[in-house]
Amino acid sequence: MTEQDRDIVRAKLNGETARIAWHELERFHAQGSVLAVVPDLDLVEVATVLAQDEAGQLRQWLDGGQVAHVSDEQARRWHAEAAELWAVVVAPWVVVQAEEQGQGYAS
C-alpha cells in the first residue's frame, strides 16, 4: 500500500473518531473486542496500523503495554466513573483512549 493510500485510510479513521460513553461500549468489552491505547500514543495512528494490518508495529505496542485489551478491572472503573472515551472502530475492534491520565487503563 502506498503512503497516499495510508493517508486516505488515516483521514477516514480520523473522521470516524468520536467521544462515546463507556456504558455504550460495555457489550463490546464483554465480547473481548475493545482495545485500549495509552494517552501518549495517537489513537488514529493505532487504528491505522490495525486497518493496514501492520502486525510488527502492533506487536511492539502490545508487548510494551501501550495497547491492550481492556481489563475487567478497568471496565468496572470506567463504568463507576461514567467515563467518556475517544473511540474508533476498526472491525472487529473498537479502539479506545481515555483523554485524561487519571482515566488510563490497567492491564
Protein backbone atom coordinates (compact mmCIF):
# COMPACT_ATOMS: atom_id res chain seq x y z
CA MET A 1 0.00 0.00 0.00
CA THR A 2 1.31 3.44 -0.89
CA GLU A 3 1.78 6.30 1.54
CA GLN A 4 -1.07 8.11 -0.20
CA ASP A 5 -3.38 5.12 0.40
CA ARG A 6 -2.30 5.07 4.06
CA ASP A 7 -3.08 8.78 4.34
CA ILE A 8 -6.56 8.18 2.92
CA VAL A 9 -7.22 5.42 5.47
CA ARG A 10 -5.89 7.64 8.27
CA ALA A 11 -8.12 10.55 7.20
CA LYS A 12 -11.16 8.27 7.04
CA LEU A 13 -10.50 6.88 10.52
CA ASN A 14 -9.86 10.36 11.89
CA GLY A 15 -13.29 11.41 10.63
CA GLU A 16 -14.90 8.38 12.30
CA THR A 17 -13.31 9.02 15.70
CA ALA A 18 -15.70 10.29 18.36
CA ARG A 19 -16.26 10.52 22.09
CA ILE A 20 -18.53 7.84 23.50
CA ALA A 21 -19.71 6.82 26.94
CA TRP A 22 -18.15 3.64 28.28
CA HIS A 23 -21.64 2.34 29.03
CA GLU A 24 -22.25 2.16 25.28
CA LEU A 25 -19.11 0.07 24.78
CA GLU A 26 -19.61 -2.46 27.56
CA ARG A 27 -21.21 -5.07 25.30
CA PHE A 28 -18.18 -4.92 23.02
CA HIS A 29 -15.92 -5.35 26.04
CA ALA A 30 -17.94 -8.43 27.00
CA GLN A 31 -17.14 -9.81 23.53
CA GLY A 32 -13.43 -9.11 24.06
CA SER A 33 -13.24 -6.66 21.18
CA VAL A 34 -12.16 -3.42 22.91
CA LEU A 35 -8.52 -2.36 22.78
CA ALA A 36 -7.26 0.49 24.94
CA VAL A 37 -4.48 2.83 23.85
CA VAL A 38 -2.33 4.72 26.36
CA PRO A 39 -2.69 8.51 26.29
CA ASP A 40 0.76 9.17 24.83
CA LEU A 41 0.01 7.27 21.60
CA ASP A 42 -2.03 8.70 18.74
CA LEU A 43 -5.37 6.85 18.70
CA VAL A 44 -5.82 7.35 14.96
CA GLU A 45 -2.30 6.07 14.27
CA VAL A 46 -3.04 2.89 16.22
CA ALA A 47 -6.31 2.47 14.32
CA THR A 48 -4.46 2.99 11.03
CA VAL A 49 -1.91 0.32 11.96
CA LEU A 50 -4.78 -2.07 12.72
CA ALA A 51 -6.56 -1.24 9.47
CA GLN A 52 -3.36 -1.72 7.48
CA ASP A 53 -2.58 -4.99 9.29
CA GLU A 54 0.88 -3.78 10.30
CA ALA A 55 1.47 -6.71 12.64
CA GLY A 56 5.04 -5.80 13.59
CA GLN A 57 4.13 -2.36 14.91
CA LEU A 58 1.04 -3.65 16.65
CA ARG A 59 3.10 -6.41 18.34
CA GLN A 60 5.56 -3.78 19.64
CA TRP A 61 2.74 -1.80 21.21
CA LEU A 62 1.11 -4.90 22.67
CA ASP A 63 4.41 -6.17 24.08
CA GLY A 64 5.15 -2.71 25.50
CA GLY A 65 1.74 -2.45 27.14
CA GLN A 66 0.83 0.61 25.11
CA VAL A 67 -2.13 -1.19 23.52
CA ALA A 68 -4.06 -3.85 25.41
CA HIS A 69 -7.43 -5.47 25.84
CA VAL A 70 -9.44 -3.53 28.41
CA SER A 71 -9.20 -5.41 31.69
CA ASP A 72 -12.30 -6.21 33.72
CA GLU A 73 -10.91 -4.01 36.49
CA GLN A 74 -10.58 -1.05 34.12
CA ALA A 75 -14.05 -1.71 32.71
CA ARG A 76 -15.53 -1.58 36.23
CA ARG A 77 -13.67 1.66 36.94
CA TRP A 78 -14.87 3.30 33.72
CA HIS A 79 -18.39 2.10 34.50
CA ALA A 80 -18.29 3.59 38.01
CA GLU A 81 -16.88 6.87 36.66
CA ALA A 82 -19.38 7.02 33.78
CA ALA A 83 -16.28 7.66 31.69
CA GLU A 84 -16.31 9.08 28.20
CA LEU A 85 -13.59 7.88 25.87
CA TRP A 86 -12.35 8.63 22.41
CA ALA A 87 -13.17 5.67 20.17
CA VAL A 88 -12.88 4.47 16.60
CA VAL A 89 -14.00 1.20 15.06
CA VAL A 90 -11.61 -0.94 13.04
CA ALA A 91 -13.70 -4.07 12.71
CA PRO A 92 -13.70 -6.30 14.59
CA TRP A 93 -12.07 -3.97 17.13
CA VAL A 94 -13.23 -0.89 18.97
CA VAL A 95 -10.13 1.10 19.83
CA VAL A 96 -10.49 3.47 22.80
CA GLN A 97 -8.41 6.05 24.59
CA ALA A 98 -9.04 7.91 27.82
CA GLU A 99 -8.46 11.61 27.44
CA GLU A 100 -7.12 12.20 30.92
CA GLN A 101 -4.22 10.49 32.64
CA GLY A 102 -6.49 9.65 35.58
CA GLN A 103 -8.66 7.55 33.29
CA GLY A 104 -5.83 5.39 31.96
CA TYR A 105 -6.26 1.66 31.88
CA ALA A 106 -4.90 -1.15 33.98
CA SER A 107 -3.86 -4.35 32.25
